Amino acid sequence: MRRVGIFGWGVVAPRSPNIEAFAKNLESSETWLTPFNGFGPDNFLVGTPTFNLADYKPWIDARFPANRFSQLERKMGQPTQYAIGAFIQSLSQNPGIEKELQELGTKAHVYVGTGLGDLPTIQHISLDLYRAQRRWDRFWAAPERNGAVRQWRETREPLPGLPPEPSTIEEVERDKAEDDWWHFWAGRSPELREYLEELREIEAIGVPDEGDVESAKLAVIKEKRTRNGRLQKKWSAPEPPWNAVSSNVLWNIHNTPASQVSMLGQITGMTFAPVAACSSFGYGLKLAMNSIRLGEAKAVVLGMTDAAPNPLVVGGFYNARVISADAAVSKPLTALRGTHIAGGAVVWVVGDYEHFTQKGFKALGLEPVAVGVTADADHIITPSKEGPTLAIREALGAAGCQPQDVGSWDLHATATPGDFLEVQTLRDVLPESVLITARKGTFGHGMSAGGGWELTAQYLGAEAGKVYPTPLAAPELNKQIAKVHGRFVFNQGEAAPEGCSGKLSMGVGGINACVISRPWK
């Protein structure tokens, strides 16, 4: 069976714009979380990534036309930009690997996914659309531009579907009542239908079937723009709501980070976005290792990326009752008050060990040996005991690793009541000698990137012969958890134990991934 190694890595995380800062920050037991204030003042702490796309401008400018950077800056959302930064970093540990990925052709793949997608871009565009629709409906519902309203005012006869007049509604609900009222009447405006008929005639202009198609297309676009301007001036109308929807909503779908990495790296093999909630990085690693061992790929650029914490995500997690909201750091394995949302990215260059070492490239960190993946097929949020247990046993078996061979383990541990069940599940399989870490109190819970950060921290520590500290102080350990297991990494760090290392991730929907790694021989 082909061995697999990590030959490059990059990170964008809270307080950590790059892999070097990430490694340095891991030396400290301090939290990287900061106040959110996305709703105005609030009591949430989050992991906001430190990132500036301009840091990568020289690299991009050296390879692409001058307008490429500005295009990425204007059109790409946070997940894609973070993934780009992490990918460029991942080319620096082994000089020459960028060229190798290009020369591998279809034997180099790109698997870069996301946990929740580019929700900030969707939110901003949705709000632009809402405001534009509100202005539009109000304009065409006004009596001076709506013969149907004028006629109705004379009779006040009941109409099917007529919403109540906003003035009759409680003030707290009046905004929604106004939206419904204006939308109802705009849909009955004869003047709006006249406007739309004129617009239809403009949009019906096509490209002539004679002459140069490209120049004719540009002429048609210019003519439509001119006539549209006249139409808007004639009616003094606001911009139609369909004009308010930025095309960036199309350019930032879930596979965009993967496709942009493939384009910037000029990597021509299979490219797609694996998505498996909080277990995404482990699932992606499983797919990458499978592709290499099956001979379908020599290298896989593997990554996960999440936008910075956003009101949609923070509010959603809060109402799912899994996020802490008391303005204090909620550490895993303590009071179990909830997790903290975080954003950022992680990218690894995963490669065929023999192929890359023969070419002089050096493997980093630990050797990933096996990944066990399972589904609970049970509860929408709460992990089961059986699903993670099966993933752990599957990974250990595939790695040829006995429970007593495991030296250290990193938990999923989200500082929720699930921490107790996770430790209990782990102890049903592993002995009391295993040294356990839990790091979401450090950098928060990146929906898809978090598992990658935790694995990278594990691998960086192993390279340095140690296990980095966590924010957890020994007296804070939950008493019920302490009865189940007593050996945890606290705020001082420890020497790396001998043996295999494990990492468990448990995703929303009961998706589990367990990664077993070992020191390089």
Protein backbone atom coordinates (compact mmCIF):
# COMPACT_ATOMS: atom_id res chain seq x y z
CA MET A 1 0.00 0.00 0.00
CA ARG A 2 1.37 3.41 -0.99
CA ARG A 3 2.47 5.61 1.87
CA VAL A 4 1.22 9.19 1.99
CA GLY A 5 2.95 12.30 3.30
CA ILE A 6 2.23 15.98 3.81
CA PHE A 7 4.59 18.07 1.67
CA GLY A 8 3.17 21.54 2.24
CA TRP A 9 0.72 23.34 4.48
CA GLY A 10 -0.79 26.76 5.00
CA VAL A 11 -3.15 28.24 7.56
CA VAL A 12 -5.39 31.29 7.96
CA ALA A 13 -6.78 31.40 11.50
CA PRO A 14 -7.58 33.78 14.36
CA ARG A 15 -4.43 35.74 15.28
CA SER A 16 -2.62 33.70 12.62
CA PRO A 17 -2.33 35.08 9.08
CA ASN A 18 0.04 32.25 8.12
CA ILE A 19 1.47 28.90 9.19
CA GLU A 20 4.45 30.49 10.92
CA ALA A 21 2.26 32.69 13.12
CA PHE A 22 0.00 29.70 13.79
CA ALA A 23 2.94 27.61 15.06
CA LYS A 24 4.24 30.46 17.20
CA ASN A 25 0.83 31.15 18.75
CA LEU A 26 0.41 27.49 19.66
CA GLU A 27 3.29 27.87 22.11
CA SER A 28 1.02 29.96 24.34
CA SER A 29 -1.99 28.77 26.33
CA GLU A 30 -3.84 32.05 25.68
CA THR A 31 -7.11 32.01 23.78
CA TRP A 32 -7.22 33.57 20.30
CA LEU A 33 -10.90 34.50 20.61
CA THR A 34 -12.16 38.10 20.51
CA PRO A 35 -15.54 39.89 20.92
CA PHE A 36 -17.95 39.49 18.00
CA ASN A 37 -20.20 42.59 18.13
CA GLY A 38 -21.79 41.60 14.83
CA PHE A 39 -25.22 42.55 16.16
CA GLY A 40 -23.87 45.67 17.77
CA PRO A 41 -22.65 45.12 21.34
CA ASP A 42 -23.23 41.48 22.35
CA ASN A 43 -21.83 38.76 24.60
CA PHE A 44 -20.35 36.45 21.96
CA LEU A 45 -16.66 35.59 21.55
CA VAL A 46 -15.53 34.34 18.15
CA GLY A 47 -12.41 33.41 16.22
CA THR A 48 -11.97 36.13 13.59
CA PRO A 49 -9.18 35.30 11.12
CA THR A 50 -6.25 37.63 10.63
CA PHE A 51 -5.91 37.99 6.85
CA ASN A 52 -4.96 40.41 4.10
CA LEU A 53 -5.18 39.24 0.48
CA ALA A 54 -2.67 41.97 -0.45
CA ASP A 55 0.04 39.86 1.24
CA TYR A 56 -0.25 37.51 -1.75
CA LYS A 57 -0.34 40.17 -4.48
CA PRO A 58 3.37 39.84 -5.41
CA TRP A 59 2.97 36.07 -5.88
CA ILE A 60 -0.15 36.52 -8.03
CA ASP A 61 1.30 39.45 -10.03
CA ALA A 62 4.39 37.37 -10.86
CA ARG A 63 2.23 34.71 -12.56
CA PHE A 64 -0.83 36.43 -13.99
CA PRO A 65 -1.89 39.62 -15.81
CA ALA A 66 -2.11 42.78 -13.72
CA ASN A 67 -5.92 42.66 -13.47
CA ARG A 68 -6.03 39.18 -11.90
CA PHE A 69 -5.44 40.36 -8.34
CA SER A 70 -8.14 43.04 -8.51
CA GLN A 71 -10.53 40.48 -10.00
CA LEU A 72 -9.95 38.14 -7.05
CA GLU A 73 -10.30 41.06 -4.62
CA ARG A 74 -13.62 42.24 -6.14
CA LYS A 75 -15.33 38.99 -7.03
CA MET A 76 -14.13 36.38 -4.55
CA GLY A 77 -15.60 36.10 -1.06
CA GLN A 78 -13.77 35.32 2.17
CA PRO A 79 -13.69 31.49 1.90
CA THR A 80 -12.04 31.65 -1.52
CA GLN A 81 -9.59 34.38 -0.52
CA TYR A 82 -8.60 32.51 2.64
CA ALA A 83 -8.09 29.29 0.65
CA ILE A 84 -5.92 31.15 -1.87
CA GLY A 85 -3.72 32.48 0.92
CA ALA A 86 -3.37 29.08 2.60
CA PHE A 87 -2.60 27.41 -0.73
CA ILE A 88 0.16 29.88 -1.63
CA GLN A 89 1.68 29.31 1.82
CA SER A 90 1.63 25.54 1.25
CA LEU A 91 4.03 25.89 -1.67
CA SER A 92 6.78 27.39 0.49
CA GLN A 93 7.95 24.48 2.68
CA ASN A 94 9.26 22.47 -0.29
CA PRO A 95 10.61 24.77 -3.03
CA GLY A 96 9.80 23.39 -6.46
CA ILE A 97 6.55 21.72 -5.46
CA GLU A 98 4.49 24.28 -7.40
CA LYS A 99 6.14 23.17 -10.65
CA GLU A 100 5.77 19.52 -9.71
CA LEU A 101 2.01 19.91 -9.17
CA GLN A 102 1.73 21.45 -12.63
CA GLU A 103 3.85 18.78 -14.32
CA LEU A 104 1.78 15.99 -12.77
CA GLY A 105 -1.12 17.01 -15.04
CA THR A 106 -4.24 14.99 -14.24
CA LYS A 107 -2.35 13.16 -11.48
CA ALA A 108 -2.60 16.27 -9.29
CA HIS A 109 -6.03 16.86 -7.77
CA VAL A 110 -7.60 19.68 -5.76
CA TYR A 111 -10.12 18.93 -2.99
CA VAL A 112 -11.01 22.17 -1.20
CA GLY A 113 -14.34 22.36 0.58
CA THR A 114 -16.25 24.56 3.00
CA GLY A 115 -18.47 24.04 6.00
CA LEU A 116 -21.23 26.56 5.44
CA GLY A 117 -20.34 28.25 2.16
CA ASP A 118 -19.89 31.97 1.61
CA LEU A 119 -22.72 33.15 3.85
CA PRO A 120 -21.40 36.75 4.19
CA THR A 121 -21.59 37.23 0.42
CA ILE A 122 -25.06 35.68 0.31
CA GLN A 123 -26.19 37.83 3.24
CA HIS A 124 -24.94 41.09 1.72
CA ILE A 125 -26.47 40.36 -1.67
CA SER A 126 -29.73 39.24 -0.07
CA LEU A 127 -29.95 42.49 1.88
CA ASP A 128 -29.23 44.50 -1.29
CA LEU A 129 -32.04 42.62 -3.02
CA TYR A 130 -34.45 43.14 -0.11
CA ARG A 131 -33.83 46.89 -0.01
CA ALA A 132 -34.12 47.21 -3.78
CA GLN A 133 -37.37 45.18 -3.82
CA ARG A 134 -38.79 47.35 -1.05
CA ARG A 135 -37.99 50.57 -2.98
CA TRP A 136 -39.36 49.07 -6.20
CA ASP A 137 -42.65 47.91 -4.71
CA ARG A 138 -43.18 51.18 -2.89
CA PHE A 139 -42.58 53.14 -6.10
CA TRP A 140 -45.07 51.15 -8.20
CA ALA A 141 -47.64 50.89 -5.38
CA ALA A 142 -47.86 54.68 -5.08
CA PRO A 143 -51.31 55.92 -6.32
CA GLU A 144 -49.75 58.35 -8.83
CA ARG A 145 -48.15 55.36 -10.62
CA ASN A 146 -50.85 52.78 -10.02
CA GLY A 147 -54.30 53.06 -11.60
CA ALA A 148 -55.47 49.95 -9.71
CA VAL A 149 -54.86 51.66 -6.36
CA ARG A 150 -56.67 54.80 -7.48
CA GLN A 151 -59.68 52.77 -8.59
CA TRP A 152 -59.74 50.70 -5.38
CA ARG A 153 -59.66 53.83 -3.22
CA GLU A 154 -62.96 54.89 -4.71
CA THR A 155 -64.78 51.68 -3.74
CA ARG A 156 -62.66 49.99 -1.02
CA GLU A 157 -64.14 46.71 -2.17
CA PRO A 158 -62.61 43.48 -0.78
CA LEU A 159 -60.00 41.91 -3.05
CA PRO A 160 -58.65 38.33 -2.94
CA GLY A 161 -55.34 38.26 -1.08
CA LEU A 162 -55.48 41.92 -0.07
CA PRO A 163 -53.25 42.31 3.02
CA PRO A 164 -54.30 44.57 5.89
CA GLU A 165 -53.38 48.23 5.59
CA PRO A 166 -50.08 48.90 7.45
CA SER A 167 -51.64 51.65 9.56
CA THR A 168 -53.89 49.04 11.19
CA ILE A 169 -50.97 46.81 12.28
CA GLU A 170 -49.01 46.96 15.54
CA GLU A 171 -45.82 48.99 15.12
CA VAL A 172 -43.55 46.01 15.83
CA GLU A 173 -44.97 44.22 12.76
CA ARG A 174 -45.45 47.28 10.54
CA ASP A 175 -42.32 46.86 8.41
CA LYS A 176 -43.51 43.43 7.27
CA ALA A 177 -47.06 44.78 6.75
CA GLU A 178 -45.69 47.57 4.52
CA ASP A 179 -43.70 45.06 2.47
CA ASP A 180 -46.81 42.92 1.94
CA TRP A 181 -49.00 45.94 1.11
CA TRP A 182 -46.63 47.49 -1.42
CA HIS A 183 -45.85 44.15 -3.06
CA PHE A 184 -49.54 43.37 -3.48
CA TRP A 185 -50.29 46.67 -5.18
CA ALA A 186 -47.13 46.78 -7.29
CA GLY A 187 -48.23 43.48 -8.80
CA ARG A 188 -51.47 45.14 -9.94
CA SER A 189 -50.00 48.33 -11.39
CA PRO A 190 -50.97 48.88 -15.08
CA GLU A 191 -48.14 51.42 -15.28
CA LEU A 192 -45.60 48.78 -14.19
CA ARG A 193 -46.87 46.48 -16.92
CA GLU A 194 -46.37 49.29 -19.44
CA TYR A 195 -42.81 49.77 -18.15
CA LEU A 196 -42.14 46.01 -18.43
CA GLU A 197 -43.42 45.92 -22.03
CA GLU A 198 -40.98 48.68 -22.98
CA LEU A 199 -38.20 46.82 -21.17
CA ARG A 200 -39.13 43.59 -22.97
CA GLU A 201 -38.65 45.31 -26.33
CA ILE A 202 -35.21 46.51 -25.27
CA GLU A 203 -34.11 43.10 -24.01
CA ALA A 204 -35.38 41.46 -27.22
CA ILE A 205 -32.59 43.09 -29.23
CA GLY A 206 -30.32 40.28 -30.41
CA VAL A 207 -26.93 39.92 -32.04
CA PRO A 208 -27.18 40.19 -35.86
CA ASP A 209 -26.31 37.04 -37.77
CA GLU A 210 -24.01 38.96 -40.10
CA GLY A 211 -20.56 40.41 -39.48
CA ASP A 212 -18.20 39.82 -36.55
CA VAL A 213 -20.07 38.29 -33.61
CA GLU A 214 -17.83 39.74 -30.89
CA SER A 215 -18.02 43.37 -32.08
CA ALA A 216 -21.77 43.01 -32.75
CA LYS A 217 -22.28 41.68 -29.22
CA LEU A 218 -20.52 44.69 -27.72
CA ALA A 219 -22.63 47.03 -29.85
CA VAL A 220 -25.84 45.34 -28.66
CA ILE A 221 -24.76 45.60 -25.01
CA LYS A 222 -24.06 49.31 -25.48
CA GLU A 223 -27.40 49.91 -27.21
CA LYS A 224 -29.33 48.08 -24.48
CA ARG A 225 -27.56 50.09 -21.81
CA THR A 226 -28.44 53.37 -23.56
CA ARG A 227 -32.10 52.46 -24.00
CA ASN A 228 -32.37 51.20 -20.43
CA GLY A 229 -31.05 54.55 -19.23
CA ARG A 230 -33.72 56.37 -21.23
CA LEU A 231 -36.42 54.09 -19.85
CA GLN A 232 -35.38 54.73 -16.25
CA LYS A 233 -35.28 58.48 -16.89
CA LYS A 234 -38.74 58.43 -18.53
CA TRP A 235 -40.36 56.76 -15.51
CA SER A 236 -38.01 58.21 -12.85
CA ALA A 237 -38.00 54.66 -11.54
CA PRO A 238 -35.54 53.16 -9.05
CA GLU A 239 -33.24 50.40 -10.26
CA PRO A 240 -35.21 47.16 -10.75
CA PRO A 241 -34.54 44.62 -7.99
CA TRP A 242 -32.98 42.17 -10.43
CA ASN A 243 -30.28 44.77 -11.08
CA ALA A 244 -29.41 44.77 -7.37
CA VAL A 245 -28.31 41.12 -7.31
CA SER A 246 -24.54 40.98 -7.75
CA SER A 247 -23.20 38.23 -9.99
CA ASN A 248 -20.83 37.42 -7.11
CA VAL A 249 -23.59 35.14 -5.81
CA LEU A 250 -22.68 32.84 -8.73
CA TRP A 251 -18.91 33.18 -8.44
CA ASN A 252 -18.90 32.09 -4.78
CA ILE A 253 -20.61 28.72 -4.78
CA HIS A 254 -19.18 25.83 -2.71
CA ASN A 255 -16.65 24.65 -5.31
CA THR A 256 -15.22 28.13 -5.99
CA PRO A 257 -12.30 27.83 -3.53
CA ALA A 258 -11.25 24.56 -5.18
CA SER A 259 -11.57 25.93 -8.71
CA GLN A 260 -9.65 29.11 -7.87
CA VAL A 261 -6.84 27.11 -6.27
CA SER A 262 -6.66 24.94 -9.38
CA MET A 263 -6.48 28.02 -11.62
CA LEU A 264 -3.90 29.87 -9.55
CA GLY A 265 -1.79 26.74 -9.17
CA GLN A 266 -2.39 25.75 -12.81
CA ILE A 267 -3.34 22.29 -11.57
CA THR A 268 -5.33 20.36 -14.17
CA GLY A 269 -6.47 17.20 -12.37
CA MET A 270 -9.81 16.47 -10.73
CA THR A 271 -11.10 19.44 -8.73
CA PHE A 272 -14.12 19.57 -6.43
CA ALA A 273 -15.43 20.56 -2.98
CA PRO A 274 -15.96 17.82 -0.36
CA VAL A 275 -18.47 18.96 2.29
CA ALA A 276 -19.05 17.03 5.52
CA ALA A 277 -19.75 19.67 8.20
CA CYS A 278 -17.24 19.63 11.09
CA SER A 279 -15.69 16.38 9.79
CA SER A 280 -14.91 17.84 6.36
CA PHE A 281 -11.11 17.89 6.68
CA GLY A 282 -10.93 14.27 7.81
CA TYR A 283 -13.29 13.20 5.03
CA GLY A 284 -11.20 15.14 2.50
CA LEU A 285 -8.01 13.49 3.79
CA LYS A 286 -9.65 10.08 3.40
CA LEU A 287 -10.52 10.87 -0.23
CA ALA A 288 -7.02 12.20 -0.91
CA MET A 289 -5.35 9.11 0.54
CA ASN A 290 -7.69 6.84 -1.40
CA SER A 291 -6.91 8.62 -4.68
CA ILE A 292 -3.17 8.32 -4.12
CA ARG A 293 -3.30 4.68 -3.03
CA LEU A 294 -5.50 3.77 -5.99
CA GLY A 295 -2.98 5.36 -8.33
CA GLU A 296 -5.44 7.98 -9.56
CA ALA A 297 -3.32 10.81 -8.16
CA LYS A 298 0.24 11.47 -7.11
CA ALA A 299 -0.73 14.59 -5.17
CA VAL A 300 -3.87 16.19 -3.76
CA VAL A 301 -4.15 19.81 -2.66
CA LEU A 302 -6.51 19.31 0.27
CA GLY A 303 -8.15 22.16 2.12
CA MET A 304 -11.13 23.53 4.00
CA THR A 305 -12.22 27.13 4.39
CA ASP A 306 -14.82 29.06 6.37
CA ALA A 307 -15.86 32.70 6.26
CA ALA A 308 -15.29 34.95 9.27
CA PRO A 309 -18.02 34.68 11.92
CA ASN A 310 -21.19 36.24 10.58
CA PRO A 311 -24.54 37.13 12.25
CA LEU A 312 -26.32 34.35 10.35
CA VAL A 313 -23.95 31.72 11.73
CA VAL A 314 -23.63 33.10 15.25
CA GLY A 315 -27.40 33.56 15.53
CA GLY A 316 -28.05 30.11 14.08
CA PHE A 317 -25.65 28.41 16.47
CA TYR A 318 -27.10 30.37 19.39
CA ASN A 319 -30.64 29.23 18.62
CA ALA A 320 -29.37 25.67 18.20
CA ARG A 321 -28.22 26.04 21.83
CA VAL A 322 -24.62 25.08 21.08
CA ILE A 323 -22.82 28.44 21.39
CA SER A 324 -21.58 30.25 24.48
CA ALA A 325 -23.02 33.73 25.06
CA ASP A 326 -21.67 35.04 28.37
CA ALA A 327 -18.67 37.05 27.08
CA ALA A 328 -16.22 34.57 28.65
CA VAL A 329 -14.11 31.86 27.04
CA SER A 330 -15.97 28.56 27.11
CA LYS A 331 -13.25 25.93 27.33
CA PRO A 332 -13.87 22.32 26.32
CA LEU A 333 -14.07 19.82 29.17
CA THR A 334 -15.11 22.45 31.74
CA ALA A 335 -18.57 23.97 32.32
CA LEU A 336 -19.93 22.76 28.94
CA ARG A 337 -21.60 26.11 28.14
CA GLY A 338 -21.14 25.94 24.36
CA THR A 339 -18.61 26.55 21.63
CA HIS A 340 -17.26 29.62 19.82
CA ILE A 341 -17.58 30.12 16.04
CA ALA A 342 -14.40 30.77 14.04
CA GLY A 343 -13.36 31.34 10.43
CA GLY A 344 -10.27 30.76 8.31
CA ALA A 345 -8.68 28.07 6.17
CA VAL A 346 -6.18 25.24 6.11
CA VAL A 347 -4.54 23.68 3.03
CA TRP A 348 -2.24 20.65 2.85
CA VAL A 349 -0.34 19.26 -0.12
CA VAL A 350 -0.83 15.53 0.32
CA GLY A 351 1.44 13.38 -1.83
CA ASP A 352 2.66 9.89 -2.70
CA TYR A 353 5.55 9.50 -0.26
CA GLU A 354 7.86 7.52 -2.54
CA HIS A 355 7.25 9.79 -5.53
CA PHE A 356 7.91 13.03 -3.68
CA THR A 357 10.83 11.91 -1.52
CA GLN A 358 12.60 10.47 -4.55
CA LYS A 359 12.41 13.94 -6.06
CA GLY A 360 14.00 15.45 -2.96
CA PHE A 361 10.91 16.77 -1.22
CA LYS A 362 10.63 16.42 2.57
CA ALA A 363 7.53 15.14 4.37
CA LEU A 364 6.22 17.28 7.23
CA GLY A 365 4.86 16.44 10.67
CA LEU A 366 3.42 12.96 11.05
CA GLU A 367 2.51 10.23 8.58
CA PRO A 368 -1.26 9.97 8.05
CA VAL A 369 -1.92 6.25 8.04
CA ALA A 370 -5.69 5.73 8.05
CA VAL A 371 -8.99 7.57 8.28
CA GLY A 372 -12.15 5.91 9.56
CA VAL A 373 -15.39 7.53 8.39
CA THR A 374 -18.93 6.68 9.50
CA ALA A 375 -22.41 8.12 9.77
CA ASP A 376 -24.51 7.97 12.94
CA ALA A 377 -27.73 7.77 10.89
CA ASP A 378 -29.44 9.01 14.04
CA HIS A 379 -29.83 12.61 15.31
CA ILE A 380 -29.61 15.92 13.46
CA ILE A 381 -27.30 17.49 16.11
CA THR A 382 -26.40 15.18 19.00
CA PRO A 383 -23.66 12.62 18.20
CA SER A 384 -24.37 9.00 18.93
CA LYS A 385 -22.02 6.69 20.82
CA GLU A 386 -21.99 4.00 18.14
CA GLY A 387 -21.00 6.13 15.11
CA PRO A 388 -17.80 7.68 16.52
CA THR A 389 -16.84 4.38 18.18
CA LEU A 390 -17.07 2.60 14.85
CA ALA A 391 -15.01 5.32 13.15
CA ILE A 392 -12.27 5.00 15.80
CA ARG A 393 -12.15 1.21 15.56
CA GLU A 394 -12.16 1.32 11.76
CA ALA A 395 -9.25 3.78 11.70
CA LEU A 396 -7.20 1.84 14.26
CA GLY A 397 -7.75 -1.40 12.37
CA ALA A 398 -6.79 0.10 9.01
CA ALA A 399 -3.67 1.62 10.56
CA GLY A 400 -2.65 -1.66 12.19
CA CYS A 401 -2.55 0.22 15.48
CA GLN A 402 -3.61 -1.42 18.75
CA PRO A 403 -5.35 0.72 21.42
CA GLN A 404 -2.29 0.45 23.68
CA ASP A 405 -0.15 1.84 20.84
CA VAL A 406 -1.93 5.22 20.93
CA GLY A 407 0.10 7.90 22.72
CA SER A 408 -1.98 11.06 22.15
CA TRP A 409 -5.46 11.99 21.00
CA ASP A 410 -7.18 15.23 19.98
CA LEU A 411 -10.90 15.49 20.72
CA HIS A 412 -13.64 17.17 18.71
CA ALA A 413 -14.80 18.64 22.09
CA THR A 414 -17.02 21.68 21.55
CA ALA A 415 -17.48 22.66 25.23
CA THR A 416 -21.04 21.29 25.12
CA PRO A 417 -22.47 18.33 27.09
CA GLY A 418 -21.31 16.15 24.20
CA ASP A 419 -17.75 16.42 25.58
CA PHE A 420 -18.62 13.98 28.36
CA LEU A 421 -20.00 11.38 25.92
CA GLU A 422 -16.98 11.82 23.63
CA VAL A 423 -14.48 11.16 26.43
CA GLN A 424 -16.56 8.20 27.59
CA THR A 425 -16.66 6.83 24.03
CA LEU A 426 -12.91 7.23 23.70
CA ARG A 427 -12.20 5.42 26.96
CA ASP A 428 -14.34 2.50 25.85
CA VAL A 429 -11.68 1.95 23.17
CA LEU A 430 -8.42 3.43 24.47
CA PRO A 431 -6.48 2.95 27.74
CA GLU A 432 -6.05 5.51 30.55
CA SER A 433 -2.46 6.20 29.43
CA VAL A 434 -3.51 8.20 26.35
CA LEU A 435 -2.77 11.94 26.52
CA ILE A 436 -5.80 13.99 25.40
CA THR A 437 -6.04 17.50 23.95
CA ALA A 438 -9.00 19.75 23.11
CA ARG A 439 -8.27 23.00 21.26
CA LYS A 440 -11.53 24.82 20.46
CA GLY A 441 -10.96 27.02 23.49
CA THR A 442 -7.83 28.24 21.68
CA PHE A 443 -9.03 29.17 18.20
CA GLY A 444 -12.74 28.36 18.25
CA HIS A 445 -14.82 26.10 16.05
CA GLY A 446 -14.13 26.54 12.35
CA MET A 447 -16.99 24.58 10.80
CA SER A 448 -14.78 22.80 8.26
CA ALA A 449 -11.32 24.28 8.89
CA GLY A 450 -11.31 23.54 12.63
CA GLY A 451 -10.47 19.85 12.20
CA GLY A 452 -7.63 20.83 9.88
CA TRP A 453 -6.26 23.35 12.38
CA GLU A 454 -6.35 20.70 15.11
CA LEU A 455 -4.54 18.15 12.94
CA THR A 456 -1.97 20.74 11.87
CA ALA A 457 -1.35 21.63 15.53
CA GLN A 458 -0.90 17.93 16.29
CA TYR A 459 1.54 17.51 13.40
CA LEU A 460 3.52 20.67 14.18
CA GLY A 461 3.86 19.60 17.80
CA ALA A 462 5.06 16.13 16.82
CA GLU A 463 7.67 17.70 14.55
CA ALA A 464 8.92 19.69 17.58
CA GLY A 465 8.68 16.70 19.93
CA LYS A 466 5.93 18.18 22.10
CA VAL A 467 2.21 18.63 22.58
CA TYR A 468 1.26 22.31 22.62
CA PRO A 469 -0.60 23.68 25.67
CA THR A 470 -4.33 24.38 25.73
CA PRO A 471 -6.18 27.13 27.66
CA LEU A 472 -7.48 24.52 30.12
CA ALA A 473 -6.17 24.77 33.70
CA ALA A 474 -6.18 21.55 35.72
CA PRO A 475 -8.64 22.79 38.39
CA GLU A 476 -11.15 23.68 35.64
CA LEU A 477 -11.54 20.11 34.39
CA ASN A 478 -15.17 19.01 34.69
CA LYS A 479 -15.46 16.68 37.70
CA GLN A 480 -17.65 14.16 35.88
CA ILE A 481 -15.20 14.02 32.96
CA ALA A 482 -12.28 13.67 35.41
CA LYS A 483 -13.91 10.50 36.74
CA VAL A 484 -13.79 9.00 33.24
CA HIS A 485 -10.26 10.05 32.27
CA GLY A 486 -7.50 11.95 34.04
CA ARG A 487 -4.71 12.56 31.54
CA PHE A 488 -5.23 15.80 29.62
CA VAL A 489 -2.96 18.49 28.24
CA PHE A 490 -3.45 21.61 30.34
CA ASN A 491 -1.97 25.08 30.04
CA GLN A 492 1.68 24.00 30.30
CA GLY A 493 2.05 21.60 27.37
CA GLU A 494 3.92 18.29 27.51
CA ALA A 495 6.51 16.21 25.71
CA ALA A 496 5.07 14.24 22.80
CA PRO A 497 4.27 10.65 23.87
CA GLU A 498 5.54 7.74 21.86
CA GLY A 499 3.14 5.88 19.60
CA CYS A 500 0.31 6.74 17.25
CA SER A 501 -1.73 9.93 17.37
CA GLY A 502 -5.48 10.12 16.85
CA LYS A 503 -7.89 12.89 15.91
CA LEU A 504 -11.67 12.58 16.00
CA SER A 505 -14.11 14.99 14.33
CA MET A 506 -17.89 14.74 14.63
CA GLY A 507 -19.99 16.76 12.22
CA VAL A 508 -23.53 18.08 12.25
CA GLY A 509 -25.82 15.34 11.02
CA GLY A 510 -23.76 12.57 12.61
CA ILE A 511 -20.79 12.56 10.21
CA ASN A 512 -17.62 11.17 11.84
CA ALA A 513 -13.99 11.12 10.75
CA CYS A 514 -11.13 9.62 12.77
CA VAL A 515 -7.53 10.16 11.60
CA ILE A 516 -4.69 7.94 12.85
CA SER A 517 -1.14 9.17 12.30
CA ARG A 518 2.31 8.00 13.36
CA PRO A 519 5.83 9.44 13.58
CA TRP A 520 7.96 9.15 10.46
CA LYS A 521 10.49 6.35 10.57
